[in-house]
N, C-alpha and C. Protein backbone atom coordinates (compact mmCIF):
# COMPACT_ATOMS: atom_id res chain seq x y z
N MET A 1 75.41 133.29 162.22
CA MET A 1 76.47 134.23 161.48
C MET A 1 77.81 133.04 160.84
N LYS A 2 77.94 132.28 161.59
CA LYS A 2 79.13 131.15 160.97
C LYS A 2 77.95 130.58 160.08
N TYR A 3 77.08 130.29 159.92
CA TYR A 3 76.12 129.90 158.78
C TYR A 3 75.91 130.50 157.47
N LYS A 4 76.04 132.06 157.74
CA LYS A 4 76.01 132.75 156.61
C LYS A 4 77.60 132.86 156.14
N PHE A 5 78.30 133.00 156.98
CA PHE A 5 79.94 133.02 156.46
C PHE A 5 79.45 131.77 155.45
N LEU A 6 79.67 130.46 155.84
CA LEU A 6 79.92 129.40 155.40
C LEU A 6 78.78 129.52 153.67
N VAL A 7 77.74 129.87 153.89
CA VAL A 7 77.09 129.88 152.37
C VAL A 7 78.12 131.02 150.99
N TYR A 8 78.04 131.87 152.13
CA TYR A 8 78.61 132.92 151.46
C TYR A 8 79.62 132.09 151.11
N LEU A 9 80.91 131.48 151.51
CA LEU A 9 81.94 131.18 150.92
C LEU A 9 81.70 130.22 149.92
N ALA A 10 80.45 129.15 150.44
CA ALA A 10 80.13 128.13 149.25
C ALA A 10 79.83 128.88 147.90
N ALA A 11 78.98 129.85 148.28
CA ALA A 11 78.54 130.78 146.85
C ALA A 11 79.88 131.21 145.73
N THR A 12 80.61 132.05 146.84
CA THR A 12 81.70 132.26 146.42
C THR A 12 82.68 131.43 145.25
N ILE A 13 82.74 130.47 145.82
CA ILE A 13 83.65 129.09 145.47
C ILE A 13 82.77 129.03 144.16
N PHE A 14 81.98 128.59 144.18
CA PHE A 14 81.08 128.09 143.23
C PHE A 14 81.13 128.95 142.23
N ALA A 15 80.64 130.25 142.22
CA ALA A 15 81.07 131.17 140.85
C ALA A 15 82.18 131.25 140.59
N VAL A 16 82.92 131.52 141.40
CA VAL A 16 84.90 131.57 140.79
C VAL A 16 84.56 130.25 140.02
N SER A 17 84.18 129.02 140.84
CA SER A 17 84.83 127.80 140.09
C SER A 17 84.23 127.70 138.49
N CYS A 18 83.74 128.53 137.96
CA CYS A 18 82.71 127.94 136.88
C CYS A 18 82.79 129.20 135.77
N LYS A 19 83.63 128.92 134.54
CA LYS A 19 84.30 129.54 134.00
C LYS A 19 83.54 129.23 132.60
N ASP A 20 84.63 129.68 131.89
CA ASP A 20 83.68 129.96 130.07
C ASP A 20 84.47 129.09 129.04
N ASP A 21 85.60 128.87 129.75
CA ASP A 21 86.44 128.60 129.03
C ASP A 21 86.41 126.86 128.53
N VAL A 22 86.07 126.82 127.32
CA VAL A 22 85.66 125.31 126.20
C VAL A 22 86.74 125.11 126.03
N GLN A 23 86.75 123.48 126.66
CA GLN A 23 88.02 122.89 125.96
C GLN A 23 87.45 121.61 124.63
N PRO A 24 88.20 122.15 123.63
CA PRO A 24 87.70 121.08 122.27
C PRO A 24 88.28 119.96 123.07
N LYS A 25 87.14 119.22 122.42
CA LYS A 25 87.92 117.66 122.43
C LYS A 25 88.93 116.93 121.34
N PRO A 26 89.36 116.10 121.51
CA PRO A 26 90.45 116.34 120.31
C PRO A 26 89.90 114.92 119.43
N LYS A 27 90.17 115.26 118.22
CA LYS A 27 89.29 114.61 117.11
C LYS A 27 89.78 113.35 117.16
N ALA A 28 88.90 112.20 117.11
CA ALA A 28 89.14 110.74 117.56
C ALA A 28 88.19 109.98 116.14
N MET A 29 88.37 108.87 115.84
CA MET A 29 87.43 108.20 115.10
C MET A 29 87.23 106.69 115.49
N LEU A 30 86.38 105.88 115.20
CA LEU A 30 86.12 104.68 116.06
C LEU A 30 87.32 103.56 115.03
N ARG A 31 87.71 103.00 115.56
CA ARG A 31 88.75 102.10 115.03
C ARG A 31 87.96 100.42 115.33
N LEU A 32 87.79 99.72 114.14
CA LEU A 32 87.16 98.78 114.34
C LEU A 32 88.56 97.85 113.68
N ASP A 33 88.87 96.94 114.50
CA ASP A 33 89.81 95.89 113.30
C ASP A 33 89.35 94.95 113.60
N TYR A 34 89.82 93.81 112.33
CA TYR A 34 88.92 92.42 112.71
C TYR A 34 89.99 91.99 111.81
N PRO A 35 90.48 90.47 111.90
CA PRO A 35 91.33 90.01 111.80
C PRO A 35 91.38 89.64 110.29
N ILE A 36 92.78 89.44 109.35
CA ILE A 36 92.65 88.78 108.24
C ILE A 36 92.04 87.50 108.06
N ALA A 37 90.72 87.64 107.12
CA ALA A 37 90.32 86.25 106.70
C ALA A 37 91.25 85.49 106.38
N ASP A 38 90.30 84.37 106.72
CA ASP A 38 90.98 82.64 106.78
C ASP A 38 90.19 82.04 106.08
N TYR A 39 90.15 81.69 104.97
CA TYR A 39 88.83 80.47 104.29
C TYR A 39 89.08 79.14 104.80
N THR A 40 88.20 78.42 104.22
CA THR A 40 88.26 76.88 104.26
C THR A 40 86.88 76.45 103.48
N GLU A 41 87.08 75.40 102.62
CA GLU A 41 86.12 75.28 101.64
C GLU A 41 84.36 74.72 102.75
N SER A 42 83.55 75.20 102.00
CA SER A 42 82.34 75.14 102.70
C SER A 42 82.39 73.54 102.87
N ASN A 43 81.24 73.19 103.58
CA ASN A 43 81.23 71.64 104.34
C ASN A 43 79.62 71.62 104.04
N ILE A 44 78.75 72.05 103.07
CA ILE A 44 77.63 71.71 102.83
C ILE A 44 77.14 70.77 101.78
N ASP A 45 75.49 70.58 101.91
CA ASP A 45 75.74 69.50 101.17
C ASP A 45 74.69 69.81 100.14
N CYS A 46 75.11 70.38 99.46
CA CYS A 46 74.26 71.63 97.97
C CYS A 46 74.79 71.12 96.75
N PRO A 47 74.04 71.72 95.76
CA PRO A 47 74.62 71.16 94.91
C PRO A 47 75.91 72.51 94.32
N TYR A 48 76.30 73.28 95.43
CA TYR A 48 77.06 74.07 95.19
C TYR A 48 78.32 74.35 96.39
N THR A 49 79.57 74.87 96.34
CA THR A 49 80.31 74.77 97.50
C THR A 49 81.31 76.40 97.30
N PHE A 50 82.16 76.62 98.16
CA PHE A 50 82.44 78.07 97.98
C PHE A 50 83.42 77.90 99.21
N ASP A 51 84.45 78.83 99.46
CA ASP A 51 85.45 79.37 100.40
C ASP A 51 84.61 80.08 101.16
N GLN A 52 84.45 79.63 102.66
CA GLN A 52 84.09 80.50 103.88
C GLN A 52 84.93 80.74 104.73
N ASN A 53 84.68 81.97 105.39
CA ASN A 53 85.60 82.74 106.36
C ASN A 53 85.41 82.27 107.57
N MET A 54 86.39 81.75 108.12
CA MET A 54 86.69 80.65 109.20
C MET A 54 86.00 81.63 110.56
N LEU A 55 85.11 82.72 110.71
CA LEU A 55 84.31 83.40 111.89
C LEU A 55 83.52 83.28 111.33
N SER A 56 82.91 83.31 110.43
CA SER A 56 81.48 82.47 110.26
C SER A 56 80.76 81.16 110.58
N ASN A 57 79.64 81.24 111.06
CA ASN A 57 79.02 80.36 111.64
C ASN A 57 77.76 79.90 110.67
N VAL A 58 77.96 78.74 109.96
CA VAL A 58 76.93 78.27 108.67
C VAL A 58 75.76 77.41 109.38
N LYS A 59 74.67 78.14 109.33
CA LYS A 59 73.52 77.58 109.45
C LYS A 59 72.35 77.24 107.71
N GLU A 60 72.26 76.02 108.02
CA GLU A 60 71.69 75.19 106.74
C GLU A 60 70.60 75.10 106.45
N ASN A 61 69.73 75.20 105.78
CA ASN A 61 68.07 75.19 105.99
C ASN A 61 67.66 73.54 105.05
N LYS A 62 67.15 73.01 104.72
CA LYS A 62 66.79 71.91 103.61
C LYS A 62 67.28 72.30 102.38
N ASP A 63 66.53 73.41 102.25
CA ASP A 63 66.44 73.69 100.38
C ASP A 63 67.79 74.47 100.34
N CYS A 64 68.79 74.43 100.84
CA CYS A 64 70.51 74.02 100.36
C CYS A 64 70.30 76.07 100.59
N SER A 65 69.42 76.64 101.09
CA SER A 65 69.64 78.14 101.36
C SER A 65 70.50 78.45 102.78
N LEU A 66 71.54 79.04 103.24
CA LEU A 66 72.32 79.06 104.12
C LEU A 66 72.09 80.47 104.64
N VAL A 67 72.47 80.80 106.27
CA VAL A 67 73.05 82.04 106.61
C VAL A 67 74.28 81.83 106.84
N LEU A 68 74.80 82.48 106.80
CA LEU A 68 76.95 82.96 107.39
C LEU A 68 76.42 83.86 108.11
N ASP A 69 76.68 83.21 109.31
CA ASP A 69 76.31 84.76 110.81
C ASP A 69 78.01 84.94 110.85
N TYR A 70 78.23 85.93 111.23
CA TYR A 70 79.27 87.12 111.88
C TYR A 70 79.17 87.43 112.99
N PRO A 71 78.76 86.64 114.61
CA PRO A 71 79.00 87.20 115.82
C PRO A 71 79.65 88.28 115.87
N MET A 72 81.01 88.50 115.56
CA MET A 72 81.66 89.57 115.86
C MET A 72 81.42 91.00 115.36
N MET A 73 80.90 90.56 114.17
CA MET A 73 80.35 92.19 113.46
C MET A 73 78.79 91.88 113.57
N LYS A 74 78.00 91.07 114.13
CA LYS A 74 76.59 91.30 114.17
C LYS A 74 75.86 91.50 113.11
N GLY A 75 76.51 90.73 111.78
CA GLY A 75 76.01 90.49 110.50
C GLY A 75 75.80 89.04 110.71
N SER A 76 75.05 89.28 109.45
CA SER A 76 75.04 87.86 108.34
C SER A 76 74.28 88.32 106.82
N ILE A 77 75.23 86.79 106.35
CA ILE A 77 75.14 86.62 104.96
C ILE A 77 73.91 86.13 104.68
N TYR A 78 72.89 86.33 103.78
CA TYR A 78 71.77 85.59 103.85
C TYR A 78 72.20 84.87 102.33
N LEU A 79 72.43 83.40 101.89
CA LEU A 79 72.45 82.88 100.63
C LEU A 79 70.70 81.82 100.53
N THR A 80 70.71 81.96 99.01
CA THR A 80 69.45 81.34 99.18
C THR A 80 69.30 80.93 97.45
N TYR A 81 69.12 79.38 97.34
CA TYR A 81 69.49 78.62 95.86
C TYR A 81 68.20 78.00 95.83
N LYS A 82 68.14 78.27 94.33
CA LYS A 82 66.92 77.76 93.94
C LYS A 82 67.27 77.29 92.15
N PRO A 83 66.70 75.83 91.38
CA PRO A 83 67.13 75.46 91.02
C PRO A 83 66.47 76.15 89.52
N VAL A 84 67.27 76.07 88.19
CA VAL A 84 66.34 76.56 87.48
C VAL A 84 65.37 75.45 86.49
N HIS A 85 64.86 76.00 86.28
CA HIS A 85 63.98 75.59 85.49
C HIS A 85 63.18 75.69 84.22
N GLY A 86 63.99 76.39 83.43
CA GLY A 86 63.59 77.58 82.52
C GLY A 86 62.69 79.00 82.85
N ASN A 87 63.04 78.88 84.36
CA ASN A 87 62.69 80.83 84.83
C ASN A 87 63.50 81.26 85.21
N LEU A 88 65.00 81.69 84.50
CA LEU A 88 65.82 82.24 84.97
C LEU A 88 65.47 83.43 84.56
N ASP A 89 64.85 84.16 83.48
CA ASP A 89 64.58 85.17 83.54
C ASP A 89 63.56 85.71 84.63
N THR A 90 62.50 84.99 85.41
CA THR A 90 61.76 85.00 86.37
C THR A 90 62.92 85.73 87.24
N LEU A 91 63.90 84.24 87.53
CA LEU A 91 64.90 84.46 88.96
C LEU A 91 65.80 86.03 88.78
N LEU A 92 66.14 86.33 87.44
CA LEU A 92 66.57 87.49 87.52
C LEU A 92 66.75 88.43 87.67
N ILE A 93 64.86 88.96 87.10
CA ILE A 93 64.29 89.85 87.52
C ILE A 93 64.12 90.38 89.13
N ASP A 94 63.53 88.93 89.58
CA ASP A 94 63.18 88.77 90.88
C ASP A 94 64.77 89.03 92.17
N ALA A 95 66.37 89.10 91.89
CA ALA A 95 67.25 89.44 92.19
C ALA A 95 67.16 90.68 92.26
N GLN A 96 66.89 91.08 90.68
CA GLN A 96 67.65 92.65 90.81
C GLN A 96 66.25 93.54 91.07
N LYS A 97 65.17 92.88 91.06
CA LYS A 97 64.35 93.57 91.91
C LYS A 97 64.74 93.84 93.87
N LEU A 98 65.03 92.62 94.14
CA LEU A 98 64.97 92.92 95.37
C LEU A 98 66.82 94.28 95.99
N SER A 99 67.86 93.95 94.78
CA SER A 99 68.74 94.95 95.39
C SER A 99 68.14 96.05 94.80
N TYR A 100 67.25 96.49 94.25
CA TYR A 100 66.98 97.89 94.03
C TYR A 100 65.94 98.34 95.05
N GLU A 101 64.95 97.36 95.54
CA GLU A 101 64.20 98.37 96.61
C GLU A 101 64.79 99.08 97.65
N HIS A 102 66.56 98.64 97.68
CA HIS A 102 66.91 99.57 98.75
C HIS A 102 67.63 101.04 98.13
N VAL A 103 66.70 101.41 96.98
CA VAL A 103 67.01 102.68 96.66
C VAL A 103 66.58 103.58 96.99
N ARG A 104 65.48 103.76 97.88
CA ARG A 104 64.80 104.96 98.73
C ARG A 104 65.78 105.37 99.67
N LYS A 105 66.79 104.31 100.41
CA LYS A 105 67.10 104.83 101.32
C LYS A 105 68.72 104.57 101.09
N ALA A 106 68.93 104.38 100.20
CA ALA A 106 70.67 104.15 99.59
C ALA A 106 71.37 105.55 98.69
N ASP A 107 71.97 105.82 99.27
CA ASP A 107 73.07 107.02 98.62
C ASP A 107 73.21 106.36 97.46
N ASN A 108 73.61 105.01 96.95
CA ASN A 108 74.11 105.14 95.34
C ASN A 108 73.97 103.55 96.10
N ILE A 109 73.95 102.64 94.33
CA ILE A 109 73.73 101.24 94.34
C ILE A 109 75.09 100.86 92.88
N ILE A 110 75.87 100.77 92.95
CA ILE A 110 76.85 100.36 92.07
C ILE A 110 76.54 98.56 91.52
N ASP A 111 76.50 98.50 90.64
CA ASP A 111 76.33 97.50 90.30
C ASP A 111 78.02 96.81 89.72
N GLN A 112 78.43 95.78 89.89
CA GLN A 112 80.00 94.93 89.14
C GLN A 112 78.99 93.60 88.49
N PRO A 113 79.12 93.15 87.31
CA PRO A 113 79.20 91.90 86.64
C PRO A 113 80.53 91.33 87.05
N PHE A 114 79.83 89.86 87.18
CA PHE A 114 80.81 88.69 87.77
C PHE A 114 80.95 87.75 86.59
N VAL A 115 82.03 87.44 86.04
CA VAL A 115 81.94 86.37 84.65
C VAL A 115 83.44 85.61 85.35
N ASN A 116 83.03 83.93 85.35
CA ASN A 116 83.85 83.39 85.35
C ASN A 116 83.26 81.77 84.55
N PRO A 117 83.86 81.85 82.86
CA PRO A 117 83.56 81.21 82.48
C PRO A 117 84.12 79.71 82.41
N ASP A 118 85.38 79.65 83.24
CA ASP A 118 85.69 78.22 83.44
C ASP A 118 85.34 77.79 84.24
N ASP A 119 84.61 78.25 85.15
CA ASP A 119 83.25 77.22 86.29
C ASP A 119 82.16 77.41 85.78
N GLY A 120 81.86 78.36 84.84
CA GLY A 120 80.45 78.48 84.50
C GLY A 120 79.43 79.11 85.66
N VAL A 121 80.29 80.26 86.45
CA VAL A 121 79.75 81.45 87.11
C VAL A 121 79.48 82.50 86.96
N TYR A 122 77.95 82.87 86.14
CA TYR A 122 78.10 84.49 85.97
C TYR A 122 77.10 85.09 87.12
N GLY A 123 77.47 86.74 87.45
CA GLY A 123 76.40 87.11 88.58
C GLY A 123 76.56 88.31 88.15
N MET A 124 75.84 89.11 89.21
CA MET A 124 76.19 90.78 89.63
C MET A 124 76.50 90.99 91.04
N PHE A 125 76.96 91.83 91.43
CA PHE A 125 77.50 92.34 92.97
C PHE A 125 76.71 93.46 92.70
N TYR A 126 75.76 94.22 94.00
CA TYR A 126 75.58 95.27 94.10
C TYR A 126 76.00 95.59 95.22
N GLU A 127 77.02 96.83 95.41
CA GLU A 127 77.49 97.96 96.43
C GLU A 127 76.37 98.75 96.78
N VAL A 128 75.87 98.65 97.94
CA VAL A 128 75.16 99.69 98.61
C VAL A 128 75.39 100.54 99.53
N SER A 129 75.47 101.88 99.16
CA SER A 129 76.30 102.82 100.02
C SER A 129 75.08 103.85 100.38
N GLY A 130 75.13 104.20 102.05
CA GLY A 130 74.06 104.92 102.41
C GLY A 130 73.22 103.86 103.47
N ASN A 131 71.91 104.33 104.36
CA ASN A 131 71.31 103.91 105.15
C ASN A 131 70.22 102.87 104.97
N ALA A 132 70.78 102.01 103.87
CA ALA A 132 69.71 101.13 103.17
C ALA A 132 69.84 99.95 104.66
N ALA A 133 68.82 99.14 104.13
CA ALA A 133 68.96 97.99 105.04
C ALA A 133 69.99 97.11 104.72
N SER A 134 70.38 96.71 103.86
CA SER A 134 71.30 95.73 103.33
C SER A 134 72.61 96.25 102.42
N GLN A 135 73.25 96.27 102.56
CA GLN A 135 75.07 96.98 102.40
C GLN A 135 75.55 96.09 100.94
N SER A 136 74.61 95.07 100.79
CA SER A 136 75.16 94.13 100.03
C SER A 136 74.54 93.26 98.74
N GLN A 137 74.36 93.29 97.60
CA GLN A 137 73.01 91.74 97.14
C GLN A 137 74.26 91.37 96.18
N PHE A 138 74.18 90.47 95.72
CA PHE A 138 74.75 89.74 94.79
C PHE A 138 73.64 88.24 94.58
N TYR A 139 74.21 88.24 93.06
CA TYR A 139 73.48 86.53 92.33
C TYR A 139 74.56 85.70 91.41
N VAL A 140 74.53 84.72 91.66
CA VAL A 140 75.36 84.09 90.47
C VAL A 140 74.38 82.92 89.95
N THR A 141 74.34 82.48 89.04
CA THR A 141 74.15 81.18 87.90
C THR A 141 75.22 80.89 87.25
N ASP A 142 74.28 80.15 86.77
CA ASP A 142 75.59 78.72 85.70
C ASP A 142 74.46 79.04 84.23
N SER A 143 73.38 80.05 84.45
CA SER A 143 72.02 80.03 83.73
C SER A 143 71.70 78.69 82.71
N THR A 144 72.02 77.65 83.38
CA THR A 144 70.89 76.80 82.92
C THR A 144 70.41 76.07 84.15
N GLU A 145 71.04 75.35 85.19
CA GLU A 145 70.79 74.51 86.19
C GLU A 145 70.76 75.29 87.34
N HIS A 146 71.30 76.15 88.12
CA HIS A 146 71.81 76.84 89.47
C HIS A 146 71.63 78.20 89.39
N PHE A 147 71.11 79.12 90.65
CA PHE A 147 70.75 80.06 90.94
C PHE A 147 70.99 80.20 92.24
N VAL A 148 71.81 81.21 92.77
CA VAL A 148 72.37 81.41 94.03
C VAL A 148 72.29 83.41 94.54
N THR A 149 71.26 83.64 95.25
CA THR A 149 71.40 84.79 95.67
C THR A 149 71.92 85.13 97.03
N GLY A 150 72.23 86.53 97.53
CA GLY A 150 72.90 86.64 98.21
C GLY A 150 72.76 88.02 99.00
N SER A 151 72.46 88.37 99.96
CA SER A 151 71.91 89.49 100.65
C SER A 151 72.90 89.53 102.17
N LEU A 152 73.45 90.73 102.36
CA LEU A 152 73.91 91.29 103.86
C LEU A 152 73.60 92.37 104.17
N TYR A 153 73.32 91.62 105.73
CA TYR A 153 72.31 92.11 106.55
C TYR A 153 72.83 92.46 107.68
N PHE A 154 72.84 93.37 108.96
CA PHE A 154 73.40 93.54 110.23
C PHE A 154 72.11 93.74 111.16
N TYR A 155 72.54 93.34 112.22
CA TYR A 155 71.55 93.38 113.58
C TYR A 155 70.97 94.60 113.82
N ALA A 156 71.38 96.18 113.73
CA ALA A 156 71.07 97.00 113.53
C ALA A 156 70.61 97.57 113.11
N LYS A 157 69.82 98.77 113.43
CA LYS A 157 69.14 99.68 112.58
C LYS A 157 70.43 100.81 111.71
N PRO A 158 69.83 100.52 110.38
CA PRO A 158 71.05 101.11 109.50
C PRO A 158 71.85 102.56 109.80
N ASN A 159 72.82 102.67 109.84
CA ASN A 159 73.68 103.91 110.27
C ASN A 159 74.96 103.61 109.53
N TYR A 160 75.12 104.36 108.17
CA TYR A 160 76.21 103.56 107.41
C TYR A 160 77.78 103.91 107.96
N ASP A 161 77.73 105.60 108.08
CA ASP A 161 79.02 105.24 108.95
C ASP A 161 79.36 104.43 109.75
N SER A 162 78.59 103.74 110.97
CA SER A 162 78.59 103.23 111.76
C SER A 162 79.06 101.51 111.27
N ILE A 163 78.60 100.98 110.60
CA ILE A 163 78.91 100.02 110.02
C ILE A 163 79.95 99.69 108.97
N LEU A 164 79.96 100.97 108.58
CA LEU A 164 80.92 101.05 107.16
C LEU A 164 82.43 99.69 107.22
N PRO A 165 83.27 99.76 108.31
CA PRO A 165 84.21 98.86 108.47
C PRO A 165 83.79 97.54 108.46
N ALA A 166 82.86 97.11 109.09
CA ALA A 166 82.03 95.89 108.95
C ALA A 166 81.56 95.37 107.81
N ALA A 167 81.23 96.61 106.80
CA ALA A 167 80.35 95.89 105.69
C ALA A 167 81.30 95.94 104.26
N MET A 168 82.63 96.44 104.47
CA MET A 168 83.90 96.41 103.79
C MET A 168 84.16 95.22 104.28
N TYR A 169 84.42 94.48 104.96
CA TYR A 169 84.77 93.00 105.46
C TYR A 169 84.15 92.06 105.22
N LEU A 170 82.84 92.26 105.15
CA LEU A 170 82.12 91.42 104.33
C LEU A 170 81.62 91.09 103.28
N GLN A 171 81.65 92.47 102.94
CA GLN A 171 81.52 92.69 101.40
C GLN A 171 82.65 91.68 100.26
N ASN A 172 84.25 92.16 101.16
CA ASN A 172 85.20 90.87 100.01
C ASN A 172 84.74 89.64 100.96
N ASP A 173 83.93 89.14 101.36
CA ASP A 173 83.73 87.90 101.80
C ASP A 173 83.03 87.49 100.94
N ILE A 174 81.82 88.37 100.18
CA ILE A 174 80.91 87.83 99.34
C ILE A 174 81.06 87.83 98.19
N ARG A 175 82.31 88.83 98.14
CA ARG A 175 83.41 88.95 96.40
C ARG A 175 83.83 87.27 96.39
N ARG A 176 84.72 86.98 97.79
CA ARG A 176 85.26 85.39 97.67
C ARG A 176 84.35 84.13 97.37
N ILE A 177 83.14 84.31 98.02
CA ILE A 177 82.05 83.63 97.79
C ILE A 177 81.95 83.35 96.15
N MET A 178 81.63 84.56 95.55
CA MET A 178 81.78 84.32 94.06
C MET A 178 82.53 84.32 93.49
N GLU A 179 83.50 84.62 93.80
CA GLU A 179 85.11 84.25 93.17
C GLU A 179 85.21 82.29 93.03
N THR A 180 84.69 82.13 94.35
CA THR A 180 85.65 80.63 94.71
C THR A 180 84.08 79.50 94.76
N LEU A 181 82.76 80.26 93.75
CA LEU A 181 81.89 79.50 94.04
C LEU A 181 81.89 78.24 92.85
N ARG A 182 81.52 77.16 93.03
CA ARG A 182 81.45 75.77 92.22
C ARG A 182 79.97 75.29 92.09
N TRP A 183 79.62 74.44 91.04
CA TRP A 183 78.49 73.98 91.08
C TRP A 183 79.03 72.40 90.93
N ARG A 184 78.19 71.54 91.64
CA ARG A 184 78.96 70.27 92.01
C ARG A 184 77.51 69.60 90.75
N ASP A 185 77.98 68.19 90.36
CA ASP A 185 77.02 67.66 89.58
C ASP A 185 76.18 66.56 90.44
């Protein structure tokens, strides 16, 4: 009898405690704050130099190709250097082709020309929006001797909404690289 009463009491409490009142969750957005960028001139043994964000770690290859690794953002900017030996057209076509390979997954690709005649640096910056593998691509050249391409990649499956703050931060770094790039003789 005592056992039946406890079962009945537990069932009653369980039934009464379950309400259909749904409480909406408060609106919230992910907030990712990154420190203000602090730049220094890159210390690389290559035919070019640029301002590098102090948050990045440089991995240099023998052919002057670099990886600027940003562990805090789980992303990297890959720079590839090629000397120009009468093959500028081929290098330009390859760089543009690489940028537009992301068109299948991208929502939009905005190309922005870059011209710095004082330092002999000319190029193009491609901003890729959407769930593409790379959020930014660029190339710069002096059109006679040097050609550098760059790509931004994250260590995660592309989800544009999630990586947007980091992508915007690193796109500013790419623009800074393009603006401060100088050719060495």
